[in-house]
Amino acid sequence: MRAYRIMYQTGQLIWLPNVKGKIGKHLKVPYLYLMKIKFLDDQSIVIVESYKELVEYMRASSPYIPTTGSNLEYMKGYAKRAVISRNHDIRATDETAFVEDLIKYKHIQVMENGQN
C-alpha cells in the first residue's frame, strides 16, 4: 500500500504520491502554481493561471476596447498602439506570442512562474 499526502493550494484538493528524496522537494503539479505578473507602467501586480487569462484580464480592464470584444481584437489594438507610441512590434497572432513580446519589450515582468 502506498502512502499518500494531501496538498491544499488554491482551493483544490490534490492527491500526490509520498515522494521521498531529492525529487520530492522539487515536485510541482503545474496546474496548481500560478504566475505573478507585474505591469511596468503602473507597477500593479496580477496573479493568473495562463497567458490567455492574462490577456482576458488586460482586455477587461482596458479603457480602449469594450469588454464585449475578443482577445484577438484587444491584442491587435494593443499592438497597434504600441507601434504608434513606442515603436514596439508586438505580435498579436495568439496569446502566447503576445505575452512573450510584452515581456521582451518590458511592458510586463514575470515575477513568479510556477509553470516552469
PDB file of N, CA and C in Angstrom:
ATOM      1  N   MET A   1       0.842  -1.179   0.000  1.00  0.00           N
ATOM      2  CA  MET A   1       0.000   0.000   0.000  1.00  0.00           C
ATOM      3  C   MET A   1       0.881   1.234   0.000  1.00  0.00           C
ATOM      4  N   ARG A   2       0.580   2.181  -0.860  1.00  0.00           N
ATOM      5  CA  ARG A   2       1.369   3.402  -0.963  1.00  0.00           C
ATOM      6  C   ARG A   2       0.830   4.453  -0.007  1.00  0.00           C
ATOM      7  N   ALA A   3       1.725   5.203   0.532  1.00  0.00           N
ATOM      8  CA  ALA A   3       1.326   6.310   1.397  1.00  0.00           C
ATOM      9  C   ALA A   3       1.065   7.534   0.526  1.00  0.00           C
ATOM     10  N   TYR A   4       0.037   8.280   0.854  1.00  0.00           N
ATOM     11  CA  TYR A   4      -0.303   9.476   0.105  1.00  0.00           C
ATOM     12  C   TYR A   4      -0.382  10.655   1.062  1.00  0.00           C
ATOM     13  N   ARG A   5      -0.083  11.813   0.527  1.00  0.00           N
ATOM     14  CA  ARG A   5      -0.267  13.017   1.311  1.00  0.00           C
ATOM     15  C   ARG A   5      -1.241  13.924   0.572  1.00  0.00           C
ATOM     16  N   ILE A   6      -1.896  14.756   1.301  1.00  0.00           N
ATOM     17  CA  ILE A   6      -2.881  15.663   0.719  1.00  0.00           C
ATOM     18  C   ILE A   6      -2.248  17.035   0.616  1.00  0.00           C
ATOM     19  N   MET A   7      -2.445  17.677  -0.522  1.00  0.00           N
ATOM     20  CA  MET A   7      -1.876  19.001  -0.742  1.00  0.00           C
ATOM     21  C   MET A   7      -3.019  19.967  -1.018  1.00  0.00           C
ATOM     22  N   TYR A   8      -3.106  21.011  -0.244  1.00  0.00           N
ATOM     23  CA  TYR A   8      -4.123  22.038  -0.440  1.00  0.00           C
ATOM     24  C   TYR A   8      -3.448  23.285  -0.999  1.00  0.00           C
ATOM     25  N   GLN A   9      -3.953  23.773  -2.081  1.00  0.00           N
ATOM     26  CA  GLN A   9      -3.475  25.035  -2.618  1.00  0.00           C
ATOM     27  C   GLN A   9      -4.537  25.553  -3.569  1.00  0.00           C
ATOM     28  N   THR A  10      -4.790  26.815  -3.510  1.00  0.00           N
ATOM     29  CA  THR A  10      -5.775  27.491  -4.346  1.00  0.00           C
ATOM     30  C   THR A  10      -7.130  26.801  -4.312  1.00  0.00           C
ATOM     31  N   GLY A  11      -7.494  26.278  -3.158  1.00  0.00           N
ATOM     32  CA  GLY A  11      -8.814  25.692  -3.002  1.00  0.00           C
ATOM     33  C   GLY A  11      -9.003  24.360  -3.688  1.00  0.00           C
ATOM     34  N   GLN A  12      -7.920  23.724  -4.141  1.00  0.00           N
ATOM     35  CA  GLN A  12      -8.046  22.443  -4.817  1.00  0.00           C
ATOM     36  C   GLN A  12      -7.457  21.347  -3.947  1.00  0.00           C
ATOM     37  N   LEU A  13      -8.051  20.193  -4.000  1.00  0.00           N
ATOM     38  CA  LEU A  13      -7.569  19.026  -3.258  1.00  0.00           C
ATOM     39  C   LEU A  13      -6.879  18.096  -4.245  1.00  0.00           C
ATOM     40  N   ILE A  14      -5.599  17.823  -4.000  1.00  0.00           N
ATOM     41  CA  ILE A  14      -4.817  17.001  -4.910  1.00  0.00           C
ATOM     42  C   ILE A  14      -4.150  15.890  -4.117  1.00  0.00           C
ATOM     43  N   TRP A  15      -4.201  14.681  -4.648  1.00  0.00           N
ATOM     44  CA  TRP A  15      -3.519  13.552  -4.021  1.00  0.00           C
ATOM     45  C   TRP A  15      -2.209  13.334  -4.756  1.00  0.00           C
ATOM     46  N   LEU A  16      -1.102  13.350  -4.016  1.00  0.00           N
ATOM     47  CA  LEU A  16       0.207  13.101  -4.601  1.00  0.00           C
ATOM     48  C   LEU A  16       0.840  11.898  -3.928  1.00  0.00           C
ATOM     49  N   PRO A  17       1.571  11.087  -4.670  1.00  0.00           N
ATOM     50  CA  PRO A  17       2.288  10.005  -4.005  1.00  0.00           C
ATOM     51  C   PRO A  17       3.320  10.583  -3.046  1.00  0.00           C
ATOM     52  N   ASN A  18       3.555   9.918  -1.961  1.00  0.00           N
ATOM     53  CA  ASN A  18       4.512  10.387  -0.967  1.00  0.00           C
ATOM     54  C   ASN A  18       5.918  10.171  -1.513  1.00  0.00           C
ATOM     55  N   VAL A  19       6.446  11.188  -2.183  1.00  0.00           N
ATOM     56  CA  VAL A  19       7.730  11.100  -2.854  1.00  0.00           C
ATOM     57  C   VAL A  19       8.826  11.479  -1.874  1.00  0.00           C
ATOM     58  N   LYS A  20       9.880  10.677  -1.839  1.00  0.00           N
ATOM     59  CA  LYS A  20      10.985  10.941  -0.933  1.00  0.00           C
ATOM     60  C   LYS A  20      12.232  11.286  -1.736  1.00  0.00           C
ATOM     61  N   GLY A  21      13.181  11.912  -1.071  1.00  0.00           N
ATOM     62  CA  GLY A  21      14.466  12.197  -1.700  1.00  0.00           C
ATOM     63  C   GLY A  21      14.492  13.545  -2.373  1.00  0.00           C
ATOM     64  N   LYS A  22      15.500  13.711  -3.229  1.00  0.00           N
ATOM     65  CA  LYS A  22      15.750  14.988  -3.887  1.00  0.00           C
ATOM     66  C   LYS A  22      14.572  15.427  -4.767  1.00  0.00           C
ATOM     67  N   ILE A  23      13.992  14.494  -5.474  1.00  0.00           N
ATOM     68  CA  ILE A  23      12.904  14.831  -6.397  1.00  0.00           C
ATOM     69  C   ILE A  23      11.677  15.320  -5.632  1.00  0.00           C
ATOM     70  N   GLY A  24      11.408  14.736  -4.496  1.00  0.00           N
ATOM     71  CA  GLY A  24      10.234  15.117  -3.724  1.00  0.00           C
ATOM     72  C   GLY A  24      10.218  16.567  -3.307  1.00  0.00           C
ATOM     73  N   LYS A  25      11.386  17.145  -3.069  1.00  0.00           N
ATOM     74  CA  LYS A  25      11.458  18.558  -2.671  1.00  0.00           C
ATOM     75  C   LYS A  25      11.053  19.480  -3.804  1.00  0.00           C
ATOM     76  N   HIS A  26      11.306  19.056  -5.028  1.00  0.00           N
ATOM     77  CA  HIS A  26      11.090  19.924  -6.183  1.00  0.00           C
ATOM     78  C   HIS A  26       9.879  19.534  -7.015  1.00  0.00           C
ATOM     79  N   LEU A  27       9.070  18.642  -6.499  1.00  0.00           N
ATOM     80  CA  LEU A  27       7.898  18.184  -7.236  1.00  0.00           C
ATOM     81  C   LEU A  27       6.879  19.312  -7.339  1.00  0.00           C
ATOM     82  N   LYS A  28       6.432  19.593  -8.559  1.00  0.00           N
ATOM     83  CA  LYS A  28       5.414  20.609  -8.775  1.00  0.00           C
ATOM     84  C   LYS A  28       4.315  20.030  -9.643  1.00  0.00           C
ATOM     85  N   VAL A  29       3.102  20.333  -9.309  1.00  0.00           N
ATOM     86  CA  VAL A  29       1.968  19.991 -10.149  1.00  0.00           C
ATOM     87  C   VAL A  29       1.642  21.269 -10.916  1.00  0.00           C
ATOM     88  N   PRO A  30       1.893  21.314 -12.231  1.00  0.00           N
ATOM     89  CA  PRO A  30       1.866  22.573 -12.971  1.00  0.00           C
ATOM     90  C   PRO A  30       0.572  23.371 -12.860  1.00  0.00           C
ATOM     91  N   TYR A  31      -0.576  22.706 -12.811  1.00  0.00           N
ATOM     92  CA  TYR A  31      -1.813  23.463 -12.808  1.00  0.00           C
ATOM     93  C   TYR A  31      -2.154  24.033 -11.440  1.00  0.00           C
ATOM     94  N   LEU A  32      -1.365  23.756 -10.425  1.00  0.00           N
ATOM     95  CA  LEU A  32      -1.598  24.353  -9.115  1.00  0.00           C
ATOM     96  C   LEU A  32      -0.879  25.680  -8.944  1.00  0.00           C
ATOM     97  N   TYR A  33       0.193  25.875  -9.671  1.00  0.00           N
ATOM     98  CA  TYR A  33       1.029  27.041  -9.478  1.00  0.00           C
ATOM     99  C   TYR A  33       0.622  28.138 -10.443  1.00  0.00           C
ATOM    100  N   LEU A  34       0.608  29.342  -9.946  1.00  0.00           N
ATOM    101  CA  LEU A  34       0.146  30.483 -10.715  1.00  0.00           C
ATOM    102  C   LEU A  34       1.314  31.360 -11.124  1.00  0.00           C
ATOM    103  N   MET A  35       1.057  32.244 -12.074  1.00  0.00           N
ATOM    104  CA  MET A  35       2.053  33.215 -12.499  1.00  0.00           C
ATOM    105  C   MET A  35       1.738  34.554 -11.854  1.00  0.00           C
ATOM    106  N   LYS A  36       2.758  35.215 -11.362  1.00  0.00           N
ATOM    107  CA  LYS A  36       2.624  36.545 -10.783  1.00  0.00           C
ATOM    108  C   LYS A  36       3.242  37.514 -11.786  1.00  0.00           C
ATOM    109  N   ILE A  37       2.412  38.403 -12.331  1.00  0.00           N
ATOM    110  CA  ILE A  37       2.822  39.318 -13.389  1.00  0.00           C
ATOM    111  C   ILE A  37       2.762  40.749 -12.870  1.00  0.00           C
ATOM    112  N   LYS A  38       3.803  41.535 -13.183  1.00  0.00           N
ATOM    113  CA  LYS A  38       3.851  42.943 -12.791  1.00  0.00           C
ATOM    114  C   LYS A  38       3.799  43.796 -14.053  1.00  0.00           C
ATOM    115  N   PHE A  39       2.869  44.734 -14.085  1.00  0.00           N
ATOM    116  CA  PHE A  39       2.781  45.688 -15.188  1.00  0.00           C
ATOM    117  C   PHE A  39       3.748  46.823 -14.888  1.00  0.00           C
ATOM    118  N   LEU A  40       4.688  47.068 -15.797  1.00  0.00           N
ATOM    119  CA  LEU A  40       5.760  48.003 -15.507  1.00  0.00           C
ATOM    120  C   LEU A  40       5.363  49.465 -15.680  1.00  0.00           C
ATOM    121  N   ASP A  41       4.227  49.737 -16.308  1.00  0.00           N
ATOM    122  CA  ASP A  41       3.812  51.140 -16.449  1.00  0.00           C
ATOM    123  C   ASP A  41       3.226  51.701 -15.153  1.00  0.00           C
ATOM    124  N   ASP A  42       2.421  50.921 -14.453  1.00  0.00           N
ATOM    125  CA  ASP A  42       1.819  51.406 -13.204  1.00  0.00           C
ATOM    126  C   ASP A  42       2.196  50.582 -11.979  1.00  0.00           C
ATOM    127  N   GLN A  43       3.097  49.610 -12.158  1.00  0.00           N
ATOM    128  CA  GLN A  43       3.602  48.766 -11.074  1.00  0.00           C
ATOM    129  C   GLN A  43       2.529  47.888 -10.414  1.00  0.00           C
ATOM    130  N   SER A  44       1.396  47.699 -11.065  1.00  0.00           N
ATOM    131  CA  SER A  44       0.364  46.830 -10.500  1.00  0.00           C
ATOM    132  C   SER A  44       0.736  45.366 -10.726  1.00  0.00           C
ATOM    133  N   ILE A  45       0.213  44.502  -9.869  1.00  0.00           N
ATOM    134  CA  ILE A  45       0.531  43.082  -9.910  1.00  0.00           C
ATOM    135  C   ILE A  45      -0.765  42.285 -10.033  1.00  0.00           C
ATOM    136  N   VAL A  46      -0.727  41.261 -10.864  1.00  0.00           N
ATOM    137  CA  VAL A  46      -1.874  40.382 -11.049  1.00  0.00           C
ATOM    138  C   VAL A  46      -1.375  38.934 -11.007  1.00  0.00           C
ATOM    139  N   ILE A  47      -2.218  38.047 -10.512  1.00  0.00           N
ATOM    140  CA  ILE A  47      -1.892  36.621 -10.456  1.00  0.00           C
ATOM    141  C   ILE A  47      -2.859  35.890 -11.378  1.00  0.00           C
ATOM    142  N   VAL A  48      -2.302  35.171 -12.349  1.00  0.00           N
ATOM    143  CA  VAL A  48      -3.113  34.472 -13.351  1.00  0.00           C
ATOM    144  C   VAL A  48      -2.615  33.044 -13.511  1.00  0.00           C
ATOM    145  N   GLU A  49      -3.428  32.206 -14.137  1.00  0.00           N
ATOM    146  CA  GLU A  49      -3.067  30.808 -14.360  1.00  0.00           C
ATOM    147  C   GLU A  49      -2.451  30.570 -15.729  1.00  0.00           C
ATOM    148  N   SER A  50      -2.724  31.447 -16.696  1.00  0.00           N
ATOM    149  CA  SER A  50      -2.232  31.211 -18.054  1.00  0.00           C
ATOM    150  C   SER A  50      -2.099  32.534 -18.790  1.00  0.00           C
ATOM    151  N   TYR A  51      -1.453  32.464 -19.959  1.00  0.00           N
ATOM    152  CA  TYR A  51      -1.325  33.653 -20.802  1.00  0.00           C
ATOM    153  C   TYR A  51      -2.701  34.121 -21.279  1.00  0.00           C
ATOM    154  N   LYS A  52      -3.568  33.180 -21.583  1.00  0.00           N
ATOM    155  CA  LYS A  52      -4.921  33.537 -22.030  1.00  0.00           C
ATOM    156  C   LYS A  52      -5.659  34.308 -20.939  1.00  0.00           C
ATOM    157  N   GLU A  53      -5.530  33.855 -19.698  1.00  0.00           N
ATOM    158  CA  GLU A  53      -6.187  34.556 -18.599  1.00  0.00           C
ATOM    159  C   GLU A  53      -5.599  35.959 -18.404  1.00  0.00           C
ATOM    160  N   LEU A  54      -4.293  36.109 -18.642  1.00  0.00           N
ATOM    161  CA  LEU A  54      -3.665  37.428 -18.540  1.00  0.00           C
ATOM    162  C   LEU A  54      -4.234  38.381 -19.586  1.00  0.00           C
ATOM    163  N   VAL A  55      -4.354  37.905 -20.818  1.00  0.00           N
ATOM    164  CA  VAL A  55      -4.905  38.751 -21.888  1.00  0.00           C
ATOM    165  C   VAL A  55      -6.364  39.087 -21.595  1.00  0.00           C
ATOM    166  N   GLU A  56      -7.131  38.131 -21.065  1.00  0.00           N
ATOM    167  CA  GLU A  56      -8.522  38.401 -20.699  1.00  0.00           C
ATOM    168  C   GLU A  56      -8.596  39.471 -19.610  1.00  0.00           C
ATOM    169  N   TYR A  57      -7.680  39.406 -18.640  1.00  0.00           N
ATOM    170  CA  TYR A  57      -7.641  40.422 -17.586  1.00  0.00           C
ATOM    171  C   TYR A  57      -7.314  41.787 -18.178  1.00  0.00           C
ATOM    172  N   MET A  58      -6.320  41.835 -19.058  1.00  0.00           N
ATOM    173  CA  MET A  58      -5.926  43.113 -19.678  1.00  0.00           C
ATOM    174  C   MET A  58      -7.083  43.683 -20.499  1.00  0.00           C
ATOM    175  N   ARG A  59      -7.766  42.811 -21.234  1.00  0.00           N
ATOM    176  CA  ARG A  59      -8.901  43.261 -22.057  1.00  0.00           C
ATOM    177  C   ARG A  59     -10.028  43.802 -21.191  1.00  0.00           C
ATOM    178  N   ALA A  60     -10.315  43.114 -20.087  1.00  0.00           N
ATOM    179  CA  ALA A  60     -11.415  43.534 -19.213  1.00  0.00           C
ATOM    180  C   ALA A  60     -11.117  44.851 -18.506  1.00  0.00           C
ATOM    181  N   SER A  61      -9.850  45.138 -18.258  1.00  0.00           N
ATOM    182  CA  SER A  61      -9.503  46.358 -17.537  1.00  0.00           C
ATOM    183  C   SER A  61      -9.062  47.498 -18.457  1.00  0.00           C
ATOM    184  N   SER A  62      -9.162  47.301 -19.758  1.00  0.00           N
ATOM    185  CA  SER A  62      -8.713  48.315 -20.717  1.00  0.00           C
ATOM    186  C   SER A  62      -9.790  49.360 -20.981  1.00  0.00           C
ATOM    187  N   PRO A  63      -9.404  50.630 -20.990  1.00  0.00           N
ATOM    188  CA  PRO A  63     -10.372  51.682 -21.334  1.00  0.00           C
ATOM    189  C   PRO A  63     -10.536  51.850 -22.843  1.00  0.00           C
ATOM    190  N   TYR A  64      -9.700  51.161 -23.656  1.00  0.00           N
ATOM    191  CA  TYR A  64      -9.671  51.391 -25.095  1.00  0.00           C
ATOM    192  C   TYR A  64     -10.594  50.498 -25.895  1.00  0.00           C
ATOM    193  N   ILE A  65     -11.020  49.383 -25.339  1.00  0.00           N
ATOM    194  CA  ILE A  65     -11.857  48.450 -26.104  1.00  0.00           C
ATOM    195  C   ILE A  65     -13.008  47.992 -25.214  1.00  0.00           C
ATOM    196  N   PRO A  66     -14.186  47.864 -25.756  1.00  0.00           N
ATOM    197  CA  PRO A  66     -15.302  47.377 -24.940  1.00  0.00           C
ATOM    198  C   PRO A  66     -15.058  45.945 -24.465  1.00  0.00           C
ATOM    199  N   THR A  67     -15.608  45.611 -23.335  1.00  0.00           N
ATOM    200  CA  THR A  67     -15.398  44.278 -22.758  1.00  0.00           C
ATOM    201  C   THR A  67     -16.064  43.182 -23.574  1.00  0.00           C
ATOM    202  N   THR A  68     -16.909  43.544 -24.515  1.00  0.00           N
ATOM    203  CA  THR A  68     -17.570  42.542 -25.345  1.00  0.00           C
ATOM    204  C   THR A  68     -16.670  42.049 -26.477  1.00  0.00           C
ATOM    205  N   GLY A  69     -15.533  42.708 -26.728  1.00  0.00           N
ATOM    206  CA  GLY A  69     -14.632  42.294 -27.796  1.00  0.00           C
ATOM    207  C   GLY A  69     -13.897  41.015 -27.448  1.00  0.00           C
ATOM    208  N   SER A  70     -13.227  40.462 -28.453  1.00  0.00           N
ATOM    209  CA  SER A  70     -12.481  39.229 -28.241  1.00  0.00           C
ATOM    210  C   SER A  70     -11.033  39.540 -27.853  1.00  0.00           C
ATOM    211  N   ASN A  71     -10.320  38.519 -27.410  1.00  0.00           N
ATOM    212  CA  ASN A  71      -8.903  38.691 -27.088  1.00  0.00           C
ATOM    213  C   ASN A  71      -8.108  39.099 -28.321  1.00  0.00           C
ATOM    214  N   LEU A  72      -8.447  38.540 -29.467  1.00  0.00           N
ATOM    215  CA  LEU A  72      -7.731  38.864 -30.695  1.00  0.00           C
ATOM    216  C   LEU A  72      -7.890  40.340 -31.046  1.00  0.00           C
ATOM    217  N   GLU A  73      -9.107  40.856 -30.940  1.00  0.00           N
ATOM    218  CA  GLU A  73      -9.332  42.286 -31.205  1.00  0.00           C
ATOM    219  C   GLU A  73      -8.531  43.147 -30.243  1.00  0.00           C
ATOM    220  N   TYR A  74      -8.518  42.769 -28.973  1.00  0.00           N
ATOM    221  CA  TYR A  74      -7.767  43.537 -27.977  1.00  0.00           C
ATOM    222  C   TYR A  74      -6.273  43.516 -28.292  1.00  0.00           C
ATOM    223  N   MET A  75      -5.742  42.325 -28.609  1.00  0.00           N
ATOM    224  CA  MET A  75      -4.308  42.218 -28.882  1.00  0.00           C
ATOM    225  C   MET A  75      -3.918  43.035 -30.115  1.00  0.00           C
ATOM    226  N   LYS A  76      -4.748  43.024 -31.147  1.00  0.00           N
ATOM    227  CA  LYS A  76      -4.467  43.824 -32.347  1.00  0.00           C
ATOM    228  C   LYS A  76      -4.459  45.310 -32.019  1.00  0.00           C
ATOM    229  N   GLY A  77      -5.429  45.758 -31.219  1.00  0.00           N
ATOM    230  CA  GLY A  77      -5.476  47.162 -30.823  1.00  0.00           C
ATOM    231  C   GLY A  77      -4.278  47.556 -29.971  1.00  0.00           C
ATOM    232  N   TYR A  78      -3.900  46.697 -29.038  1.00  0.00           N
ATOM    233  CA  TYR A  78      -2.749  46.965 -28.177  1.00  0.00           C
ATOM    234  C   TYR A  78      -1.478  47.031 -29.014  1.00  0.00           C
ATOM    235  N   ALA A  79      -1.328  46.078 -29.950  1.00  0.00           N
ATOM    236  CA  ALA A  79      -0.141  46.052 -30.806  1.00  0.00           C
ATOM    237  C   ALA A  79      -0.062  47.312 -31.665  1.00  0.00           C
ATOM    238  N   LYS A  80      -1.198  47.760 -32.173  1.00  0.00           N
ATOM    239  CA  LYS A  80      -1.229  48.973 -32.993  1.00  0.00           C
ATOM    240  C   LYS A  80      -0.817  50.196 -32.168  1.00  0.00           C
ATOM    241  N   ARG A  81      -1.349  50.308 -30.953  1.00  0.00           N
ATOM    242  CA  ARG A  81      -0.978  51.432 -30.082  1.00  0.00           C
ATOM    243  C   ARG A  81       0.495  51.374 -29.682  1.00  0.00           C
ATOM    244  N   ALA A  82       1.033  50.156 -29.492  1.00  0.00           N
ATOM    245  CA  ALA A  82       2.442  50.003 -29.119  1.00  0.00           C
ATOM    246  C   ALA A  82       3.367  50.431 -30.255  1.00  0.00           C
ATOM    247  N   VAL A  83       2.992  50.151 -31.495  1.00  0.00           N
ATOM    248  CA  VAL A  83       3.796  50.583 -32.645  1.00  0.00           C
ATOM    249  C   VAL A  83       3.772  52.102 -32.759  1.00  0.00           C
ATOM    250  N   ILE A  84       2.597  52.696 -32.598  1.00  0.00           N
ATOM    251  CA  ILE A  84       2.466  54.141 -32.735  1.00  0.00           C
ATOM    252  C   ILE A  84       3.193  54.886 -31.615  1.00  0.00           C
ATOM    253  N   SER A  85       3.012  54.441 -30.372  1.00  0.00           N
ATOM    254  CA  SER A  85       3.549  55.198 -29.245  1.00  0.00           C
ATOM    255  C   SER A  85       5.000  54.872 -28.897  1.00  0.00           C
ATOM    256  N   ARG A  86       5.423  53.603 -29.083  1.00  0.00           N
ATOM    257  CA  ARG A  86       6.766  53.208 -28.639  1.00  0.00           C
ATOM    258  C   ARG A  86       7.608  52.533 -29.718  1.00  0.00           C
ATOM    259  N   ASN A  87       7.055  52.339 -30.899  1.00  0.00           N
ATOM    260  CA  ASN A  87       7.723  51.638 -31.989  1.00  0.00           C
ATOM    261  C   ASN A  87       8.104  50.203 -31.583  1.00  0.00           C
ATOM    262  N   HIS A  88       7.214  49.536 -30.834  1.00  0.00           N
ATOM    263  CA  HIS A  88       7.396  48.146 -30.432  1.00  0.00           C
ATOM    264  C   HIS A  88       6.508  47.270 -31.300  1.00  0.00           C
ATOM    265  N   ASP A  89       7.109  46.333 -32.011  1.00  0.00           N
ATOM    266  CA  ASP A  89       6.365  45.439 -32.898  1.00  0.00           C
ATOM    267  C   ASP A  89       5.930  44.198 -32.112  1.00  0.00           C
ATOM    268  N   ILE A  90       4.722  44.234 -31.587  1.00  0.00           N
ATOM    269  CA  ILE A  90       4.183  43.151 -30.766  1.00  0.00           C
ATOM    270  C   ILE A  90       3.293  42.265 -31.633  1.00  0.00           C
ATOM    271  N   ARG A  91       3.570  40.964 -31.593  1.00  0.00           N
ATOM    272  CA  ARG A  91       2.767  40.013 -32.378  1.00  0.00           C
ATOM    273  C   ARG A  91       1.402  39.831 -31.714  1.00  0.00           C
ATOM    274  N   ALA A  92       0.364  39.853 -32.514  1.00  0.00           N
ATOM    275  CA  ALA A  92      -0.994  39.688 -31.996  1.00  0.00           C
ATOM    276  C   ALA A  92      -1.657  38.460 -32.611  1.00  0.00           C
ATOM    277  N   THR A  93      -0.874  37.429 -32.869  1.00  0.00           N
ATOM    278  CA  THR A  93      -1.415  36.228 -33.511  1.00  0.00           C
ATOM    279  C   THR A  93      -2.110  35.300 -32.523  1.00  0.00           C
ATOM    280  N   ASP A  94      -1.514  35.146 -31.340  1.00  0.00           N
ATOM    281  CA  ASP A  94      -2.124  34.343 -30.282  1.00  0.00           C
ATOM    282  C   ASP A  94      -1.624  34.858 -28.934  1.00  0.00           C
ATOM    283  N   GLU A  95      -2.220  34.355 -27.851  1.00  0.00           N
ATOM    284  CA  GLU A  95      -1.898  34.857 -26.518  1.00  0.00           C
ATOM    285  C   GLU A  95      -0.443  34.611 -26.131  1.00  0.00           C
ATOM    286  N   THR A  96       0.099  33.456 -26.517  1.00  0.00           N
ATOM    287  CA  THR A  96       1.475  33.124 -26.150  1.00  0.00           C
ATOM    288  C   THR A  96       2.468  34.079 -26.798  1.00  0.00           C
ATOM    289  N   ALA A  97       2.349  34.294 -28.100  1.00  0.00           N
ATOM    290  CA  ALA A  97       3.255  35.207 -28.801  1.00  0.00           C
ATOM    291  C   ALA A  97       3.091  36.635 -28.269  1.00  0.00           C
ATOM    292  N   PHE A  98       1.862  37.032 -27.997  1.00  0.00           N
ATOM    293  CA  PHE A  98       1.577  38.376 -27.491  1.00  0.00           C
ATOM    294  C   PHE A  98       2.265  38.612 -26.152  1.00  0.00           C
ATOM    295  N   VAL A  99       2.110  37.677 -25.225  1.00  0.00           N
ATOM    296  CA  VAL A  99       2.704  37.839 -23.892  1.00  0.00           C
ATOM    297  C   VAL A  99       4.226  37.752 -23.971  1.00  0.00           C
ATOM    298  N   GLU A 100       4.763  36.878 -24.825  1.00  0.00           N
ATOM    299  CA  GLU A 100       6.215  36.812 -24.997  1.00  0.00           C
ATOM    300  C   GLU A 100       6.774  38.156 -25.439  1.00  0.00           C
ATOM    301  N   ASP A 101       6.076  38.831 -26.353  1.00  0.00           N
ATOM    302  CA  ASP A 101       6.535  40.141 -26.808  1.00  0.00           C
ATOM    303  C   ASP A 101       6.346  41.214 -25.735  1.00  0.00           C
ATOM    304  N   LEU A 102       5.294  41.114 -24.929  1.00  0.00           N
ATOM    305  CA  LEU A 102       5.140  42.057 -23.820  1.00  0.00           C
ATOM    306  C   LEU A 102       6.301  41.938 -22.848  1.00  0.00           C
ATOM    307  N   ILE A 103       6.768  40.721 -22.622  1.00  0.00           N
ATOM    308  CA  ILE A 103       7.929  40.502 -21.757  1.00  0.00           C
ATOM    309  C   ILE A 103       9.192  41.031 -22.437  1.00  0.00           C
ATOM    310  N   LYS A 104       9.347  40.734 -23.719  1.00  0.00           N
ATOM    311  CA  LYS A 104      10.529  41.150 -24.480  1.00  0.00           C
ATOM    312  C   LYS A 104      10.692  42.666 -24.483  1.00  0.00           C
ATOM    313  N   TYR A 105       9.605  43.388 -24.685  1.00  0.00           N
ATOM    314  CA  TYR A 105       9.664  44.851 -24.756  1.00  0.00           C
ATOM    315  C   TYR A 105       9.433  45.518 -23.400  1.00  0.00           C
ATOM    316  N   LYS A 106       9.423  44.723 -22.346  1.00  0.00           N
ATOM    317  CA  LYS A 106       9.337  45.206 -20.971  1.00  0.00           C
ATOM    318  C   LYS A 106       8.051  45.996 -20.675  1.00  0.00           C
ATOM    319  N   HIS A 107       6.940  45.505 -21.205  1.00  0.00           N
ATOM    320  CA  HIS A 107       5.640  46.035 -20.819  1.00  0.00           C
ATOM    321  C   HIS A 107       5.185  45.371 -19.530  1.00  0.00           C
ATOM    322  N   ILE A 108       5.580  44.082 -19.376  1.00  0.00           N
ATOM    323  CA  ILE A 108       5.270  43.331 -18.164  1.00  0.00           C
ATOM    324  C   ILE A 108       6.528  42.595 -17.707  1.00  0.00           C
ATOM    325  N   GLN A 109       6.503  42.171 -16.455  1.00  0.00           N
ATOM    326  CA  GLN A 109       7.591  41.378 -15.895  1.00  0.00           C
ATOM    327  C   GLN A 109       6.978  40.177 -15.176  1.00  0.00           C
ATOM    328  N   VAL A 110       7.536  39.001 -15.429  1.00  0.00           N
ATOM    329  CA  VAL A 110       7.083  37.800 -14.758  1.00  0.00           C
ATOM    330  C   VAL A 110       7.861  37.706 -13.454  1.00  0.00           C
ATOM    331  N   MET A 111       7.157  37.893 -12.333  1.00  0.00           N
ATOM    332  CA  MET A 111       7.808  37.860 -11.027  1.00  0.00           C
ATOM    333  C   MET A 111       7.947  36.434 -10.524  1.00  0.00           C
ATOM    334  N   GLU A 112       6.914  35.626 -10.697  1.00  0.00           N
ATOM    335  CA  GLU A 112       6.941  34.208 -10.308  1.00  0.00           C
ATOM    336  C   GLU A 112       6.203  33.444 -11.385  1.00  0.00           C
ATOM    337  N   ASN A 113       6.763  32.308 -11.734  1.00  0.00           N
ATOM    338  CA  ASN A 113       6.111  31.464 -12.729  1.00  0.00           C
ATOM    339  C   ASN A 113       6.166  30.028 -12.253  1.00  0.00           C
ATOM    340  N   GLY A 114       5.080  29.518 -11.787  1.00  0.00           N
ATOM    341  CA  GLY A 114       5.011  28.142 -11.330  1.00  0.00           C
ATOM    342  C   GLY A 114       4.883  27.173 -12.471  1.00  0.00           C
ATOM    343  N   GLN A 115       4.775  27.661 -13.709  1.00  0.00           N
ATOM    344  CA  GLN A 115       4.640  26.780 -14.854  1.00  0.00           C
ATOM    345  C   GLN A 115       5.962  26.113 -15.203  1.00  0.00           C
ATOM    346  N   ASN A 116       7.082  26.712 -14.823  1.00  0.00           N
ATOM    347  CA  ASN A 116       8.409  26.151 -15.157  1.00  0.00           C
ATOM    348  C   ASN A 116       8.952  25.346 -14.019  1.00  0.00           C
TER     349      ASN A 116
END
